[in-house]
Protein backbone atom coordinates (compact mmCIF):
# COMPACT_ATOMS: atom_id res chain seq x y z
CA MET A 1 0.00 0.00 0.00
CA GLN A 2 2.83 2.40 0.87
CA ASP A 3 4.56 1.48 -2.40
CA THR A 4 1.38 2.28 -4.32
CA GLN A 5 1.11 5.65 -2.55
CA SER A 6 4.70 6.38 -3.51
CA GLN A 7 3.96 5.48 -7.12
CA ILE A 8 0.85 7.67 -7.11
CA HIS A 9 2.90 10.54 -5.72
CA GLN A 10 5.53 10.10 -8.43
CA VAL A 11 2.89 9.99 -11.17
CA GLU A 12 1.27 13.14 -9.76
CA LEU A 13 4.63 14.93 -9.86
CA THR A 14 5.01 13.84 -13.47
CA ILE A 15 1.51 15.13 -14.25
CA ASP A 16 2.32 18.47 -12.63
CA GLU A 17 5.51 18.74 -14.67
CA ALA A 18 3.66 17.88 -17.88
CA LYS A 19 1.06 20.55 -17.14
CA LYS A 20 3.82 23.15 -16.66
CA HIS A 21 5.21 22.36 -20.12
CA ILE A 22 1.73 22.45 -21.64
CA ASN A 23 1.02 25.81 -19.98
CA LYS A 24 4.31 27.20 -21.31
CA MET A 25 3.40 25.99 -24.81
CA ASN A 26 -0.07 27.54 -24.52
CA SER A 27 1.50 30.82 -23.40
CA LEU A 28 3.77 30.77 -26.44
CA ILE A 29 0.79 30.07 -28.72
CA LYS A 30 -1.09 32.98 -27.15
CA LEU A 31 1.97 35.20 -27.49
CA SER A 32 2.53 34.22 -31.12
CA ASN A 33 -1.05 35.28 -31.93
CA ASN A 34 -0.37 38.73 -30.46
CA LYS A 35 -0.11 41.53 -33.05
CA GLU A 36 2.86 43.16 -31.33
CA TYR A 37 4.74 39.85 -31.06
CA LYS A 38 4.24 39.27 -34.77
CA GLU A 39 5.46 42.78 -35.57
CA ILE A 40 8.46 42.84 -33.24
CA PHE A 41 9.65 39.25 -33.32
CA LEU A 42 8.32 37.45 -36.39
CA GLU A 43 8.73 40.36 -38.78
CA GLY A 44 11.23 42.57 -36.96
CA PHE A 45 13.67 40.08 -35.48
CA PHE A 46 13.34 36.76 -37.28
CA LYS A 47 12.92 38.35 -40.69
CA ASP A 48 14.16 41.95 -40.96
CA TYR A 49 17.01 41.72 -38.45
CA ALA A 50 18.10 38.37 -39.88
CA ILE A 51 18.22 39.83 -43.40
CA GLN A 52 20.12 42.85 -42.13
CA GLN A 53 22.75 40.65 -40.48
CA VAL A 54 23.20 38.54 -43.61
CA MET A 55 23.57 41.69 -45.69
CA LEU A 56 26.13 43.11 -43.24
CA LYS A 57 28.16 39.92 -43.56
CA SER A 58 29.11 40.92 -47.11
CA ASP A 59 29.34 44.68 -46.49
CA PRO A 60 32.88 45.89 -47.32
CA THR A 61 32.92 48.09 -44.21
CA GLN A 62 32.15 45.10 -41.95
CA GLN A 63 34.99 42.76 -42.94
CA SER A 64 37.20 43.05 -39.87
CA ALA A 65 37.47 39.93 -37.75
CA ASP A 66 35.64 41.62 -34.87
CA CYS A 67 32.76 42.77 -37.09
CA GLN A 68 32.42 39.38 -38.72
CA LYS A 69 32.42 37.64 -35.34
CA ALA A 70 29.71 40.00 -34.04
CA ILE A 71 27.59 39.41 -37.15
CA ILE A 72 27.96 35.64 -36.90
CA ASP A 73 27.09 35.79 -33.18
CA ASN A 74 23.97 37.81 -34.03
CA ILE A 75 22.92 35.32 -36.71
CA ASN A 76 23.51 32.45 -34.31
CA SER A 77 21.41 34.18 -31.64
CA ILE A 78 18.49 34.38 -34.06
CA GLY A 79 18.76 30.65 -34.69
CA SER A 80 19.16 29.87 -31.00
CA LEU A 81 15.98 31.72 -30.10
CA ARG A 82 14.04 29.95 -32.87
CA VAL A 83 15.32 26.59 -31.65
CA HIS A 84 14.32 27.47 -28.09
CA LEU A 85 10.79 28.47 -29.12
CA HIS A 86 10.44 25.36 -31.27
CA GLY A 87 11.59 23.27 -28.31
CA ILE A 88 8.87 24.77 -26.10
CA MET A 89 6.25 23.81 -28.68
CA THR A 90 7.64 20.32 -29.24
CA GLN A 91 7.93 19.56 -25.54
CA GLY A 92 4.43 20.91 -24.89
CA ARG A 93 2.94 18.69 -27.58
CA GLN A 94 4.80 15.65 -26.26
CA MET A 95 3.56 16.40 -22.76
CA GLU A 96 -0.03 16.71 -24.01
CA ASP A 97 0.24 13.19 -25.40
CA ALA A 98 1.93 11.85 -22.27
CA LEU A 99 -0.47 13.57 -19.86
CA VAL A 100 -3.36 11.30 -20.81
CA ASP A 101 -1.22 8.21 -20.18
CA HIS A 102 -0.04 9.53 -16.82
CA GLU A 103 -3.59 10.31 -15.73
CA VAL A 104 -4.69 6.78 -16.68
CA THR A 105 -1.77 5.35 -14.73
CA ARG A 106 -2.73 7.43 -11.69
CA GLU A 107 -6.33 6.21 -11.88
CA GLU A 108 -5.16 2.59 -12.12
CA LEU A 109 -2.84 3.01 -9.14
CA GLN A 110 -5.60 4.69 -7.11
CA ALA A 111 -7.94 1.80 -7.93
CA GLU A 112 -5.28 -0.69 -6.79
CA ASP A 113 -4.76 1.26 -3.59
CA ILE A 114 -8.45 0.97 -2.72
CA VAL A 115 -8.46 -2.81 -3.14
């Protein structure tokens, strides 16, 4: 019985963690539907700023090693942020799928604990 309670507790912690990831994903979805987010990040950062950095890469006045490193770092930061946001979405979707399984497991363990 104590072992079952421990298992239930562990499953409940897993459910809580899954819900946190799902909430973060839902927040990102809500944010991505925001007009200002679209203007500042989707258009301004991921598109316009990215194009500007690529154009600077070939600008004759930006050919010093320091300038090139700064440009490459900026381009990499754009990619890193996109990867991070994609990761939030991917993990949230995976947790949505797993949440149902964890809730079923909890119900089964609770039923065992009663018997």
